[in-house]
Structures are given as C-alpha cells and as structure tokens.
C-alpha cells in the first residue's frame, strides 16, 4: 500500500473455506514510515542548519559592518588629521615669515597690542628687543639677494636659539629688522638678553664666493610695566 500516509494502522484478516464459513479475525499492527526527508529528525536537523546559516549570515554581516565602520572611522580620523594639519599650516603661513620661519610683523604687532592693552588678561610686564643688522644693504648689493637671504636665516636661527622656547616671541619685523618680545621680563633682563644675543650674532659668519662674511647688529631695548 504505497499510497498510505505515514502512521500506524491495523490490518484485519479473516479467512473463509469453500463452504463460505468464515474463520476468526486476525489483527496485524502495521506502521508506515515516512520518507527520510519527512522525518522529525530531518526536519529538526534542517531547522538547526537553517538557524546556523542565519546566525552565521548575521554574524558575518555584523563583522562586515563593524569592519566597514572601523575603516570609515580610520578614514575620518585620517581626513581629520589632514584637515588639522592643513589648517595648522595655513595658520602658520598666516603668522610666520616664510624665509626665516619666525613670527611675521602682523603676528608680533598683535602680540604687542595684547600686552599693551590693560583690559586684556595678557597685559603684563614685558621686555622688547629690536635687532637691526648693520650694513645689510651692502651685502645684497655686492653679493646678491641669495647671500642676503642666507645671512637673514643665520641671524634668525641665532635668535631662535637664544630665546626661551614657548615663552618668547621672536619675529622678523621687516627687511633686516627683528623684534623679540620677552614676557615677564623687565628692562634690565631684556638688556642682558640683548647683550648675550649681540655677542652670538657677532660670532656668526657666512661664506660666499670663497670669502667669509661676518656681520654685526645694532640693538634697541625697551621695557613695559602695566599701570
């Protein structure tokens, strides 16, 4: 009976002789098993497999999204760092002089105004040194502007090495003139710093066309004490 549905059945059998006399009824228990793809174990296994595939797909998608988020965060951080670096460079170009790397005239004037304004917290005593290279025009006229630029860079490096890092403000005021703002320094302290810098500049030399060029500088010193 191939068309019977899976399940348990009772088969009743009764024999008869030639005279038509029926015998006792015999009963047989019959179990029709379902095909393997319709068994409970197969369905449970299939459900477990589908659940595992679904969980695996969800985990893979979660890992993929997490990896993409990490990549996106890294890209955002890299882009942010690039923008920050570009902004820092723009700010530096706006406040620093390109030849010497010192603060430019506009930045040092703003700093001086901040110190001189009694209404601002930055107002406090300070010293100021003005440096003017002697006979610098002669260097440009006789040896060229390239040599003049070397002299300016040497002088700027000397000034940068003589000031207090992160405290003092060395700047190129214009041409061969430099200004140094010395916060929390009185006139006597600024004079000592100017004399020390004068000696250092007098020791500098630049070789051009096979000859050594030595140069000096004139100094002016001032001190400010807020009222």
N, C-alpha and C. Protein backbone atom coordinates (compact mmCIF):
# COMPACT_ATOMS: atom_id res chain seq x y z
N UNK A 1 0.84 -1.19 0.00
CA UNK A 1 0.00 0.00 0.00
C UNK A 1 0.88 1.25 0.00
N UNK A 2 1.36 1.57 -1.13
CA UNK A 2 2.33 2.67 -1.21
C UNK A 2 1.70 4.05 -1.07
N UNK A 3 0.39 4.15 -1.18
CA UNK A 3 -0.27 5.45 -1.11
C UNK A 3 -0.74 5.81 0.28
N UNK A 4 -0.51 4.92 1.25
CA UNK A 4 -0.91 5.22 2.61
C UNK A 4 -0.02 6.32 3.19
N UNK A 5 -0.67 7.18 3.93
CA UNK A 5 0.09 8.21 4.61
C UNK A 5 0.88 7.61 5.76
N UNK A 6 1.96 8.21 6.14
CA UNK A 6 2.75 7.68 7.25
C UNK A 6 1.90 7.62 8.52
N UNK A 7 2.08 6.59 9.29
CA UNK A 7 1.33 6.44 10.54
C UNK A 7 1.22 4.98 10.93
N UNK A 8 0.39 4.71 11.94
CA UNK A 8 0.16 3.35 12.44
C UNK A 8 -1.24 2.90 12.02
N UNK A 9 -1.32 1.67 11.53
CA UNK A 9 -2.58 1.10 11.04
C UNK A 9 -2.79 -0.29 11.64
N UNK A 10 -4.12 -0.78 11.56
CA UNK A 10 -4.44 -2.15 11.94
C UNK A 10 -4.97 -2.89 10.70
N UNK A 11 -4.32 -3.97 10.39
CA UNK A 11 -4.75 -4.79 9.25
C UNK A 11 -5.54 -5.98 9.79
N UNK A 12 -6.79 -6.05 9.41
CA UNK A 12 -7.66 -7.13 9.87
C UNK A 12 -7.77 -8.18 8.76
N UNK A 13 -7.53 -9.43 9.11
CA UNK A 13 -7.56 -10.56 8.16
C UNK A 13 -8.59 -11.59 8.65
N UNK A 14 -9.40 -12.10 7.69
CA UNK A 14 -10.37 -13.15 8.03
C UNK A 14 -10.46 -14.14 6.86
N UNK A 15 -10.27 -15.39 7.15
CA UNK A 15 -10.25 -16.44 6.11
C UNK A 15 -11.61 -17.11 6.00
N UNK A 16 -11.89 -17.64 4.82
CA UNK A 16 -13.16 -18.37 4.60
C UNK A 16 -12.84 -19.65 3.84
N UNK A 17 -13.60 -20.75 4.12
CA UNK A 17 -13.36 -22.01 3.40
C UNK A 17 -14.26 -22.08 2.18
N UNK A 18 -14.24 -23.25 1.51
CA UNK A 18 -15.02 -23.39 0.27
C UNK A 18 -16.51 -23.34 0.51
N UNK A 19 -16.88 -23.66 1.76
CA UNK A 19 -18.31 -23.67 2.08
C UNK A 19 -18.80 -22.28 2.48
N UNK A 20 -17.90 -21.33 2.51
CA UNK A 20 -18.30 -19.97 2.89
C UNK A 20 -18.33 -19.74 4.36
N UNK A 21 -17.67 -20.63 5.09
CA UNK A 21 -17.61 -20.44 6.54
C UNK A 21 -16.39 -19.56 6.85
N UNK A 22 -16.63 -18.44 7.58
CA UNK A 22 -15.54 -17.52 7.93
C UNK A 22 -14.92 -17.92 9.24
N UNK A 23 -13.63 -17.73 9.27
CA UNK A 23 -12.90 -18.04 10.49
C UNK A 23 -12.75 -16.79 11.38
N UNK A 24 -11.94 -16.94 12.37
CA UNK A 24 -11.72 -15.83 13.29
C UNK A 24 -10.91 -14.70 12.60
N UNK A 25 -11.10 -13.56 13.11
CA UNK A 25 -10.41 -12.39 12.55
C UNK A 25 -9.03 -12.23 13.20
N UNK A 26 -8.05 -12.07 12.37
CA UNK A 26 -6.68 -11.83 12.86
C UNK A 26 -6.33 -10.34 12.65
N UNK A 27 -5.62 -9.82 13.60
CA UNK A 27 -5.27 -8.39 13.54
C UNK A 27 -3.75 -8.24 13.52
N UNK A 28 -3.27 -7.43 12.58
CA UNK A 28 -1.84 -7.14 12.47
C UNK A 28 -1.62 -5.63 12.60
N UNK A 29 -0.66 -5.28 13.44
CA UNK A 29 -0.30 -3.86 13.58
C UNK A 29 0.71 -3.50 12.49
N UNK A 30 0.44 -2.43 11.76
CA UNK A 30 1.30 -2.00 10.64
C UNK A 30 1.71 -0.53 10.86
N UNK A 31 2.97 -0.30 10.67
CA UNK A 31 3.49 1.08 10.77
C UNK A 31 4.09 1.48 9.43
N UNK A 32 3.54 2.53 8.86
CA UNK A 32 4.05 3.05 7.60
C UNK A 32 5.01 4.21 7.94
N UNK A 33 6.30 4.00 7.68
CA UNK A 33 7.30 5.03 7.99
C UNK A 33 7.34 6.09 6.89
N UNK A 34 7.54 7.35 7.27
CA UNK A 34 7.62 8.43 6.26
C UNK A 34 8.97 8.37 5.54
N UNK A 35 9.09 8.97 4.38
CA UNK A 35 10.40 9.05 3.72
C UNK A 35 11.37 9.88 4.57
N UNK A 36 12.66 9.73 4.33
CA UNK A 36 13.64 10.35 5.20
C UNK A 36 13.55 11.87 5.25
N UNK A 37 13.11 12.46 4.12
CA UNK A 37 13.04 13.92 4.11
C UNK A 37 11.82 14.47 4.86
N UNK A 38 10.93 13.53 5.32
CA UNK A 38 9.77 13.95 6.09
C UNK A 38 9.82 13.50 7.54
N UNK A 39 10.98 12.97 7.93
CA UNK A 39 11.13 12.54 9.32
C UNK A 39 11.34 13.74 10.24
N UNK A 40 11.04 13.52 11.54
CA UNK A 40 11.20 14.59 12.53
C UNK A 40 12.67 14.97 12.67
N UNK A 41 13.54 13.95 12.65
CA UNK A 41 14.97 14.23 12.83
C UNK A 41 15.52 15.07 11.67
N UNK A 42 15.02 14.75 10.46
CA UNK A 42 15.47 15.54 9.31
C UNK A 42 14.97 16.97 9.42
N UNK A 43 13.73 17.14 9.85
CA UNK A 43 13.18 18.49 9.97
C UNK A 43 13.92 19.28 11.05
N UNK A 44 14.19 18.59 12.18
CA UNK A 44 14.94 19.27 13.23
C UNK A 44 16.35 19.63 12.76
N UNK A 45 16.98 18.69 12.03
CA UNK A 45 18.33 18.96 11.52
C UNK A 45 18.31 20.10 10.50
N UNK A 46 17.27 20.08 9.63
CA UNK A 46 17.16 21.15 8.64
C UNK A 46 16.92 22.50 9.32
N UNK A 47 16.06 22.50 10.36
CA UNK A 47 15.81 23.75 11.09
C UNK A 47 17.08 24.25 11.77
N UNK A 48 17.83 23.30 12.38
CA UNK A 48 19.08 23.69 13.03
C UNK A 48 20.08 24.22 12.02
N UNK A 49 20.13 23.59 10.84
CA UNK A 49 21.05 24.05 9.81
C UNK A 49 20.66 25.44 9.31
N UNK A 50 19.35 25.65 9.09
CA UNK A 50 18.90 26.98 8.65
C UNK A 50 19.19 28.04 9.72
N UNK A 51 18.96 27.64 11.00
CA UNK A 51 19.26 28.58 12.09
C UNK A 51 20.74 28.91 12.14
N UNK A 52 21.59 27.87 11.95
CA UNK A 52 23.03 28.11 11.95
C UNK A 52 23.43 29.01 10.78
N UNK A 53 22.82 28.78 9.61
CA UNK A 53 23.14 29.62 8.44
C UNK A 53 22.70 31.06 8.70
N UNK A 54 21.49 31.21 9.30
CA UNK A 54 21.00 32.55 9.58
C UNK A 54 21.90 33.27 10.59
N UNK A 55 22.28 32.53 11.65
CA UNK A 55 23.18 33.12 12.65
C UNK A 55 24.54 33.45 12.03
N UNK A 56 25.02 32.53 11.20
CA UNK A 56 26.31 32.78 10.54
C UNK A 56 26.24 33.99 9.62
N UNK A 57 25.13 34.09 8.88
CA UNK A 57 24.98 35.25 7.99
C UNK A 57 24.88 36.55 8.78
N UNK A 58 24.14 36.48 9.90
CA UNK A 58 24.01 37.68 10.75
C UNK A 58 25.36 38.06 11.33
N UNK A 59 26.11 37.06 11.79
CA UNK A 59 27.43 37.36 12.36
C UNK A 59 28.37 37.91 11.28
N UNK A 60 28.31 37.29 10.09
CA UNK A 60 29.17 37.78 9.01
C UNK A 60 28.80 39.21 8.63
N UNK A 61 27.50 39.49 8.60
CA UNK A 61 27.08 40.86 8.27
C UNK A 61 27.51 41.83 9.36
N UNK A 62 27.38 41.39 10.63
CA UNK A 62 27.80 42.25 11.74
C UNK A 62 29.29 42.53 11.67
N UNK A 63 30.10 41.48 11.39
CA UNK A 63 31.54 41.68 11.27
C UNK A 63 31.88 42.59 10.10
N UNK A 64 31.14 42.40 8.99
CA UNK A 64 31.39 43.25 7.82
C UNK A 64 31.06 44.71 8.13
N UNK A 65 29.91 44.93 8.79
CA UNK A 65 29.54 46.30 9.16
C UNK A 65 30.53 46.89 10.15
N UNK A 66 30.98 46.07 11.10
CA UNK A 66 31.95 46.56 12.08
C UNK A 66 33.26 46.92 11.39
N UNK A 67 33.67 46.05 10.44
CA UNK A 67 34.91 46.33 9.72
C UNK A 67 34.76 47.60 8.88
N UNK A 68 33.60 47.77 8.26
CA UNK A 68 33.38 48.98 7.47
C UNK A 68 33.35 50.21 8.37
N UNK A 69 32.73 50.07 9.56
CA UNK A 69 32.72 51.21 10.49
C UNK A 69 34.13 51.56 10.93
N UNK A 70 34.96 50.52 11.20
CA UNK A 70 36.34 50.78 11.59
C UNK A 70 37.11 51.46 10.47
N UNK A 71 36.90 50.96 9.24
CA UNK A 71 37.56 51.59 8.10
C UNK A 71 37.09 53.02 7.92
N UNK A 72 35.77 53.25 8.10
CA UNK A 72 35.23 54.59 7.97
C UNK A 72 35.79 55.50 9.05
N UNK A 73 35.87 54.98 10.30
CA UNK A 73 36.43 55.79 11.39
C UNK A 73 37.89 56.12 11.11
N UNK A 74 38.65 55.13 10.61
CA UNK A 74 40.05 55.39 10.28
C UNK A 74 40.17 56.42 9.17
N UNK A 75 39.28 56.31 8.16
CA UNK A 75 39.31 57.29 7.07
C UNK A 75 38.95 58.68 7.58
N UNK A 76 37.94 58.74 8.48
CA UNK A 76 37.55 60.04 9.04
C UNK A 76 38.69 60.62 9.89
N UNK A 77 39.33 59.75 10.71
CA UNK A 77 40.46 60.23 11.51
C UNK A 77 41.60 60.71 10.64
N UNK A 78 41.89 59.94 9.57
CA UNK A 78 42.97 60.36 8.67
C UNK A 78 42.62 61.68 7.99
N UNK A 79 41.36 61.79 7.55
CA UNK A 79 40.95 63.04 6.89
C UNK A 79 40.97 64.20 7.88
N UNK A 80 40.52 63.92 9.12
CA UNK A 80 40.54 64.97 10.14
C UNK A 80 41.96 65.42 10.43
N UNK A 81 42.89 64.43 10.49
CA UNK A 81 44.29 64.78 10.73
C UNK A 81 44.85 65.60 9.57
N UNK A 82 44.47 65.23 8.34
CA UNK A 82 44.92 66.00 7.18
C UNK A 82 44.37 67.43 7.23
N UNK A 83 43.08 67.56 7.57
CA UNK A 83 42.49 68.90 7.65
C UNK A 83 43.13 69.71 8.78
N UNK A 84 43.37 69.03 9.92
CA UNK A 84 44.01 69.73 11.04
C UNK A 84 45.41 70.19 10.64
N UNK A 85 46.13 69.28 9.95
CA UNK A 85 47.48 69.65 9.51
C UNK A 85 47.43 70.79 8.51
N UNK A 86 46.45 70.73 7.59
CA UNK A 86 46.32 71.80 6.60
C UNK A 86 45.95 73.12 7.28
N UNK A 87 45.05 73.06 8.28
CA UNK A 87 44.68 74.28 8.99
C UNK A 87 45.86 74.84 9.77
N UNK A 88 46.63 73.91 10.41
CA UNK A 88 47.82 74.37 11.13
C UNK A 88 48.82 75.03 10.19
N UNK A 89 48.96 74.43 8.99
CA UNK A 89 49.89 75.00 8.03
C UNK A 89 49.40 76.36 7.54
N UNK A 90 48.08 76.47 7.31
CA UNK A 90 47.53 77.77 6.89
C UNK A 90 47.72 78.82 7.99
N UNK A 91 47.47 78.39 9.24
CA UNK A 91 47.66 79.33 10.34
C UNK A 91 49.12 79.72 10.48
N UNK A 92 49.99 78.74 10.28
CA UNK A 92 51.42 79.06 10.38
C UNK A 92 51.83 80.02 9.27
N UNK A 93 51.34 79.79 8.06
CA UNK A 93 51.68 80.70 6.97
C UNK A 93 51.13 82.10 7.22
N UNK A 94 50.00 82.17 7.91
CA UNK A 94 49.41 83.48 8.19
C UNK A 94 50.14 84.22 9.29
N UNK A 95 50.86 83.48 10.15
CA UNK A 95 51.50 84.13 11.30
C UNK A 95 53.02 84.07 11.26
N UNK A 96 53.60 83.30 10.34
CA UNK A 96 55.05 83.15 10.30
C UNK A 96 55.60 83.64 8.97
N UNK A 97 56.81 84.13 9.04
CA UNK A 97 57.51 84.65 7.86
C UNK A 97 58.19 83.49 7.14
N UNK A 98 58.00 83.34 5.82
CA UNK A 98 58.46 82.12 5.14
C UNK A 98 59.97 81.96 5.06
N UNK A 99 60.71 83.05 4.95
CA UNK A 99 62.16 82.93 4.77
C UNK A 99 62.85 82.44 6.04
N UNK A 100 62.52 83.03 7.16
CA UNK A 100 63.22 82.71 8.41
C UNK A 100 62.46 81.76 9.31
N UNK A 101 61.15 81.62 9.10
CA UNK A 101 60.34 80.78 9.99
C UNK A 101 59.96 81.45 11.28
N UNK A 102 60.33 82.71 11.47
CA UNK A 102 59.95 83.46 12.66
C UNK A 102 58.55 84.04 12.50
N UNK A 103 57.99 84.55 13.59
CA UNK A 103 56.69 85.21 13.51
C UNK A 103 56.80 86.42 12.57
N UNK A 104 55.72 86.69 11.86
CA UNK A 104 55.77 87.83 10.94
C UNK A 104 55.35 89.12 11.65
N UNK A 105 55.37 90.20 10.91
CA UNK A 105 55.12 91.52 11.51
C UNK A 105 53.71 91.62 12.06
N UNK A 106 52.72 91.11 11.32
CA UNK A 106 51.33 91.22 11.79
C UNK A 106 51.14 90.48 13.10
N UNK A 107 51.72 89.27 13.21
CA UNK A 107 51.55 88.48 14.43
C UNK A 107 52.21 89.15 15.62
N UNK A 108 53.42 89.70 15.43
CA UNK A 108 54.11 90.32 16.56
C UNK A 108 53.44 91.62 16.97
N UNK A 109 52.87 92.36 16.01
CA UNK A 109 52.14 93.58 16.36
C UNK A 109 50.90 93.23 17.18
N UNK A 110 50.19 92.17 16.80
CA UNK A 110 49.03 91.74 17.59
C UNK A 110 49.44 91.33 18.99
N UNK A 111 50.58 90.66 19.11
CA UNK A 111 51.07 90.26 20.42
C UNK A 111 51.42 91.47 21.28
N UNK A 112 52.05 92.46 20.66
CA UNK A 112 52.37 93.68 21.39
C UNK A 112 51.10 94.40 21.83
N UNK A 113 50.10 94.46 20.98
CA UNK A 113 48.84 95.10 21.36
C UNK A 113 48.18 94.37 22.52
N UNK A 114 48.27 93.04 22.51
CA UNK A 114 47.68 92.27 23.61
C UNK A 114 48.38 92.58 24.92
N UNK A 115 49.70 92.74 24.87
CA UNK A 115 50.44 93.05 26.09
C UNK A 115 50.20 94.49 26.55
N UNK A 116 49.98 95.39 25.61
CA UNK A 116 49.82 96.80 25.97
C UNK A 116 48.40 97.16 26.37
N UNK A 117 47.44 96.32 26.07
CA UNK A 117 46.05 96.61 26.40
C UNK A 117 45.79 96.23 27.85
N UNK A 118 45.53 97.19 28.73
CA UNK A 118 45.33 96.87 30.15
C UNK A 118 44.03 96.13 30.43
N UNK A 119 43.13 96.10 29.46
CA UNK A 119 41.85 95.42 29.68
C UNK A 119 41.91 93.93 29.41
N UNK A 120 43.00 93.46 28.80
CA UNK A 120 43.11 92.06 28.43
C UNK A 120 43.95 91.31 29.45
N UNK A 121 43.60 90.02 29.69
CA UNK A 121 44.37 89.23 30.66
C UNK A 121 45.84 89.10 30.29
N UNK A 122 46.15 89.22 28.98
CA UNK A 122 47.53 89.05 28.55
C UNK A 122 48.41 90.24 28.93
N UNK A 123 47.75 91.31 29.39
CA UNK A 123 48.52 92.51 29.74
C UNK A 123 49.38 92.23 30.97
N UNK A 124 50.68 92.37 30.84
CA UNK A 124 51.63 92.14 31.92
C UNK A 124 52.94 92.78 31.51
N UNK A 125 53.89 92.80 32.40
CA UNK A 125 55.17 93.40 32.07
C UNK A 125 55.91 92.55 31.04
N UNK A 126 56.67 93.22 30.22
CA UNK A 126 57.44 92.50 29.21
C UNK A 126 58.60 93.39 28.76
N UNK A 127 59.60 92.73 28.19
CA UNK A 127 60.72 93.43 27.57
C UNK A 127 60.66 93.26 26.07
N UNK A 128 61.25 94.17 25.35
CA UNK A 128 61.23 94.13 23.88
C UNK A 128 62.62 94.48 23.36
N UNK A 129 63.11 93.66 22.43
CA UNK A 129 64.42 93.89 21.83
C UNK A 129 64.24 94.10 20.33
N UNK A 130 64.82 95.14 19.81
CA UNK A 130 64.83 95.39 18.36
C UNK A 130 66.24 95.14 17.85
N UNK A 131 66.35 94.31 16.83
CA UNK A 131 67.65 93.94 16.24
C UNK A 131 67.68 94.45 14.80
N UNK A 132 68.73 95.18 14.47
CA UNK A 132 68.89 95.73 13.11
C UNK A 132 70.28 95.35 12.61
N UNK A 133 70.34 94.51 11.57
CA UNK A 133 71.63 94.08 11.03
C UNK A 133 72.35 95.27 10.39
N UNK A 134 73.63 95.40 10.70
CA UNK A 134 74.42 96.52 10.18
C UNK A 134 74.85 96.25 8.74
N UNK A 135 74.76 97.29 7.90
CA UNK A 135 75.27 97.25 6.52
C UNK A 135 74.68 96.08 5.72
N UNK A 136 73.44 95.74 5.98
CA UNK A 136 72.85 94.62 5.27
C UNK A 136 72.61 94.95 3.80
N UNK A 137 72.27 96.19 3.51
CA UNK A 137 72.05 96.58 2.11
C UNK A 137 73.30 96.35 1.28
N UNK A 138 74.46 96.57 1.88
CA UNK A 138 75.71 96.35 1.16
C UNK A 138 75.89 94.89 0.79
N UNK A 139 75.45 94.00 1.67
CA UNK A 139 75.54 92.56 1.37
C UNK A 139 74.69 92.24 0.16
N UNK A 140 73.47 92.75 0.12
CA UNK A 140 72.59 92.48 -1.03
C UNK A 140 73.15 93.09 -2.31
N UNK A 141 73.70 94.30 -2.21
CA UNK A 141 74.17 94.98 -3.42
C UNK A 141 75.43 94.34 -3.98
N UNK A 142 76.32 93.86 -3.13
CA UNK A 142 77.61 93.33 -3.60
C UNK A 142 77.60 91.81 -3.80
N UNK A 143 76.87 91.10 -2.97
CA UNK A 143 76.90 89.63 -3.03
C UNK A 143 75.58 89.02 -3.50
N UNK A 144 74.56 89.81 -3.68
CA UNK A 144 73.29 89.30 -4.20
C UNK A 144 72.31 88.97 -3.08
N UNK A 145 71.05 88.87 -3.48
CA UNK A 145 69.99 88.62 -2.51
C UNK A 145 70.03 87.19 -1.97
N UNK A 146 70.57 86.25 -2.71
CA UNK A 146 70.66 84.88 -2.20
C UNK A 146 71.56 84.84 -0.97
N UNK A 147 72.69 85.54 -1.04
CA UNK A 147 73.58 85.62 0.12
C UNK A 147 72.90 86.40 1.24
N UNK A 148 72.18 87.45 0.89
CA UNK A 148 71.44 88.20 1.90
C UNK A 148 70.43 87.33 2.62
N UNK A 149 69.76 86.45 1.86
CA UNK A 149 68.79 85.54 2.49
C UNK A 149 69.50 84.58 3.44
N UNK A 150 70.68 84.11 3.08
CA UNK A 150 71.44 83.23 3.97
C UNK A 150 71.80 83.95 5.26
N UNK A 151 72.19 85.21 5.14
CA UNK A 151 72.51 85.99 6.34
C UNK A 151 71.29 86.13 7.23
N UNK A 152 70.14 86.41 6.64
CA UNK A 152 68.91 86.55 7.42
C UNK A 152 68.54 85.24 8.12
N UNK A 153 68.69 84.12 7.41
CA UNK A 153 68.37 82.82 8.02
C UNK A 153 69.34 82.50 9.16
N UNK A 154 70.62 82.80 8.96
CA UNK A 154 71.60 82.56 10.03
C UNK A 154 71.27 83.39 11.25
N UNK A 155 70.93 84.63 11.04
CA UNK A 155 70.58 85.51 12.14
C UNK A 155 69.29 85.03 12.83
N UNK A 156 68.31 84.59 12.04
CA UNK A 156 67.05 84.10 12.61
C UNK A 156 67.29 82.85 13.45
N UNK A 157 68.15 81.94 12.94
CA UNK A 157 68.47 80.73 13.71
C UNK A 157 69.17 81.09 15.02
N UNK A 158 70.04 82.09 14.96
CA UNK A 158 70.73 82.53 16.17
C UNK A 158 69.73 83.10 17.18
N UNK A 159 68.79 83.89 16.71
CA UNK A 159 67.77 84.46 17.60
C UNK A 159 66.89 83.36 18.17
N UNK A 160 66.48 82.43 17.32
CA UNK A 160 65.61 81.34 17.76
C UNK A 160 66.30 80.49 18.84
N UNK A 161 67.60 80.32 18.69
CA UNK A 161 68.33 79.52 19.68
C UNK A 161 68.63 80.26 20.96
N UNK A 162 68.47 81.59 20.96
CA UNK A 162 68.80 82.37 22.15
C UNK A 162 67.58 82.69 23.00
N UNK A 163 66.38 82.51 22.48
CA UNK A 163 65.19 82.88 23.24
C UNK A 163 64.64 81.67 24.00
N UNK A 164 63.68 81.93 24.87
CA UNK A 164 63.02 80.87 25.63
C UNK A 164 61.91 80.25 24.77
N UNK A 165 62.03 78.95 24.54
CA UNK A 165 61.06 78.26 23.70
C UNK A 165 59.69 78.28 24.37
N UNK A 166 58.66 78.51 23.59
CA UNK A 166 57.26 78.54 24.03
C UNK A 166 56.94 79.71 24.95
N UNK A 167 57.89 80.63 25.15
CA UNK A 167 57.63 81.79 26.01
C UNK A 167 57.84 83.08 25.24
N UNK A 168 59.04 83.25 24.68
CA UNK A 168 59.38 84.48 23.96
C UNK A 168 58.82 84.45 22.54
N UNK A 169 58.70 85.63 21.98
CA UNK A 169 58.15 85.80 20.63
C UNK A 169 59.21 86.45 19.73
N UNK A 170 60.01 85.66 18.99
CA UNK A 170 60.95 86.24 18.02
C UNK A 170 60.24 86.43 16.68
N UNK A 171 60.45 87.56 16.06
CA UNK A 171 59.75 87.85 14.81
C UNK A 171 60.66 88.66 13.89
N UNK A 172 60.41 88.51 12.60
CA UNK A 172 61.05 89.38 11.62
C UNK A 172 60.11 90.56 11.38
N UNK A 173 60.57 91.74 11.76
CA UNK A 173 59.72 92.92 11.68
C UNK A 173 59.67 93.48 10.26
N UNK A 174 60.74 93.29 9.51
CA UNK A 174 60.77 93.77 8.13
C UNK A 174 62.19 93.98 7.67
N UNK A 175 62.50 93.59 6.43
CA UNK A 175 63.86 93.78 5.91
C UNK A 175 64.86 93.05 6.77
N UNK A 176 65.83 93.79 7.32
CA UNK A 176 66.87 93.22 8.17
C UNK A 176 66.58 93.48 9.65
N UNK A 177 65.34 93.80 10.00
CA UNK A 177 64.98 94.11 11.38
C UNK A 177 64.23 92.94 12.01
N UNK A 178 64.58 92.68 13.26
CA UNK A 178 63.94 91.63 14.03
C UNK A 178 63.46 92.21 15.35
N UNK A 179 62.39 91.65 15.87
CA UNK A 179 61.83 92.05 17.15
C UNK A 179 61.66 90.81 18.02
N UNK A 180 61.99 90.94 19.29
CA UNK A 180 61.81 89.84 20.24
C UNK A 180 61.01 90.38 21.42
N UNK A 181 59.87 89.77 21.69
CA UNK A 181 59.05 90.12 22.85
C UNK A 181 59.36 89.12 23.95
N UNK A 182 59.71 89.64 25.14
CA UNK A 182 60.11 88.80 26.27
C UNK A 182 59.09 88.97 27.40
N UNK A 183 58.07 88.12 27.47
CA UNK A 183 57.07 88.25 28.53
C UNK A 183 57.70 88.07 29.92
N UNK A 184 57.12 88.77 30.89
CA UNK A 184 57.55 88.70 32.29
C UNK A 184 59.05 89.01 32.44
N UNK A 185 59.52 89.96 31.64
CA UNK A 185 60.92 90.38 31.70
C UNK A 185 60.97 91.90 31.82
N UNK A 186 61.77 92.38 32.75
CA UNK A 186 61.89 93.84 32.92
C UNK A 186 62.98 94.38 31.99
N UNK A 187 63.24 95.67 32.08
CA UNK A 187 64.20 96.31 31.20
C UNK A 187 65.61 95.77 31.42
N UNK A 188 65.98 95.53 32.67
CA UNK A 188 67.32 95.01 32.95
C UNK A 188 67.48 93.61 32.36
N UNK A 189 66.47 92.77 32.50
CA UNK A 189 66.55 91.42 31.94
C UNK A 189 66.62 91.44 30.43
N UNK A 190 65.85 92.33 29.81
CA UNK A 190 65.89 92.45 28.35
C UNK A 190 67.25 92.95 27.89
N UNK A 191 67.88 93.84 28.65
CA UNK A 191 69.20 94.34 28.28
C UNK A 191 70.25 93.24 28.35
N UNK A 192 70.16 92.39 29.37
CA UNK A 192 71.09 91.26 29.47
C UNK A 192 70.90 90.30 28.30
N UNK A 193 69.64 90.02 27.95
CA UNK A 193 69.36 89.13 26.82
C UNK A 193 69.86 89.74 25.51
N UNK A 194 69.72 91.05 25.35
CA UNK A 194 70.18 91.71 24.13
C UNK A 194 71.69 91.64 24.00
N UNK A 195 72.40 91.85 25.10
CA UNK A 195 73.86 91.78 25.06
C UNK A 195 74.33 90.35 24.74
N UNK A 196 73.66 89.37 25.31
CA UNK A 196 74.02 87.99 25.02
C UNK A 196 73.78 87.67 23.54
N UNK A 197 72.67 88.14 23.00
CA UNK A 197 72.36 87.91 21.59
C UNK A 197 73.33 88.67 20.69
N UNK A 198 73.75 89.88 21.10
CA UNK A 198 74.69 90.65 20.29
C UNK A 198 76.01 89.91 20.12
N UNK A 199 76.48 89.29 21.20
CA UNK A 199 77.73 88.54 21.11
C UNK A 199 77.58 87.32 20.20
N UNK A 200 76.44 86.65 20.30
CA UNK A 200 76.22 85.48 19.46
C UNK A 200 76.18 85.86 17.98
N UNK A 201 75.51 86.96 17.65
CA UNK A 201 75.43 87.38 16.25
C UNK A 201 76.80 87.79 15.73
N UNK A 202 77.60 88.41 16.59
CA UNK A 202 78.94 88.84 16.15
C UNK A 202 79.85 87.65 15.85
N UNK A 203 79.50 86.48 16.34
CA UNK A 203 80.29 85.27 16.08
C UNK A 203 79.84 84.55 14.82
N UNK A 204 78.74 84.97 14.22
CA UNK A 204 78.24 84.30 13.02
C UNK A 204 79.07 84.68 11.81
N UNK A 205 79.06 83.80 10.80
CA UNK A 205 79.76 84.08 9.54
C UNK A 205 79.08 83.31 8.43
N UNK A 206 79.15 83.85 7.24
CA UNK A 206 78.60 83.23 6.04
C UNK A 206 79.67 83.26 4.97
N UNK A 207 79.92 82.11 4.34
CA UNK A 207 80.92 82.01 3.27
C UNK A 207 80.23 82.21 1.93
N UNK A 208 80.71 83.20 1.17
CA UNK A 208 80.15 83.48 -0.16
C UNK A 208 81.29 83.84 -1.11
N UNK A 209 81.30 83.20 -2.26
CA UNK A 209 82.34 83.45 -3.28
C UNK A 209 83.75 83.24 -2.71
N UNK A 210 83.87 82.25 -1.86
CA UNK A 210 85.16 81.91 -1.30
C UNK A 210 85.64 82.79 -0.18
N UNK A 211 84.86 83.75 0.25
CA UNK A 211 85.28 84.64 1.34
C UNK A 211 84.28 84.55 2.48
N UNK A 212 84.78 84.76 3.68
CA UNK A 212 83.94 84.70 4.87
C UNK A 212 83.38 86.08 5.19
N UNK A 213 82.09 86.12 5.40
CA UNK A 213 81.40 87.37 5.72
C UNK A 213 80.99 87.33 7.18
N UNK A 214 81.42 88.29 7.94
CA UNK A 214 81.00 88.45 9.32
C UNK A 214 80.17 89.72 9.42
N UNK A 215 79.27 89.74 10.31
CA UNK A 215 78.38 90.90 10.39
C UNK A 215 78.03 91.17 11.84
N UNK A 216 77.57 92.38 12.09
CA UNK A 216 77.17 92.83 13.42
C UNK A 216 75.75 93.35 13.35
N UNK A 217 75.21 93.68 14.51
CA UNK A 217 73.85 94.19 14.58
C UNK A 217 73.75 95.24 15.65
N UNK A 218 72.84 96.18 15.44
CA UNK A 218 72.54 97.21 16.43
C UNK A 218 71.28 96.81 17.19
N UNK A 219 71.23 97.19 18.46
CA UNK A 219 70.14 96.74 19.32
C UNK A 219 69.46 97.93 19.99
N UNK A 220 68.17 97.76 20.16
CA UNK A 220 67.39 98.69 20.98
C UNK A 220 66.58 97.89 21.97
N UNK A 221 66.48 98.34 23.20
CA UNK A 221 65.81 97.59 24.27
C UNK A 221 64.79 98.50 24.94
N UNK A 222 63.65 97.96 25.25
CA UNK A 222 62.60 98.70 25.95
C UNK A 222 61.93 97.75 26.94
N UNK A 223 61.35 98.33 27.97
CA UNK A 223 60.61 97.56 28.95
C UNK A 223 59.27 98.20 29.22
N UNK A 224 58.27 97.39 29.53
CA UNK A 224 56.91 97.89 29.79
C UNK A 224 56.41 97.27 31.08
N UNK A 225 55.87 98.12 31.92
CA UNK A 225 55.23 97.66 33.16
C UNK A 225 53.80 98.20 33.17
N UNK A 226 52.79 97.36 33.21
CA UNK A 226 51.40 97.85 33.17
C UNK A 226 51.10 98.69 34.41
N UNK A 227 50.27 99.69 34.26
CA UNK A 227 49.93 100.55 35.41
C UNK A 227 49.08 99.80 36.43
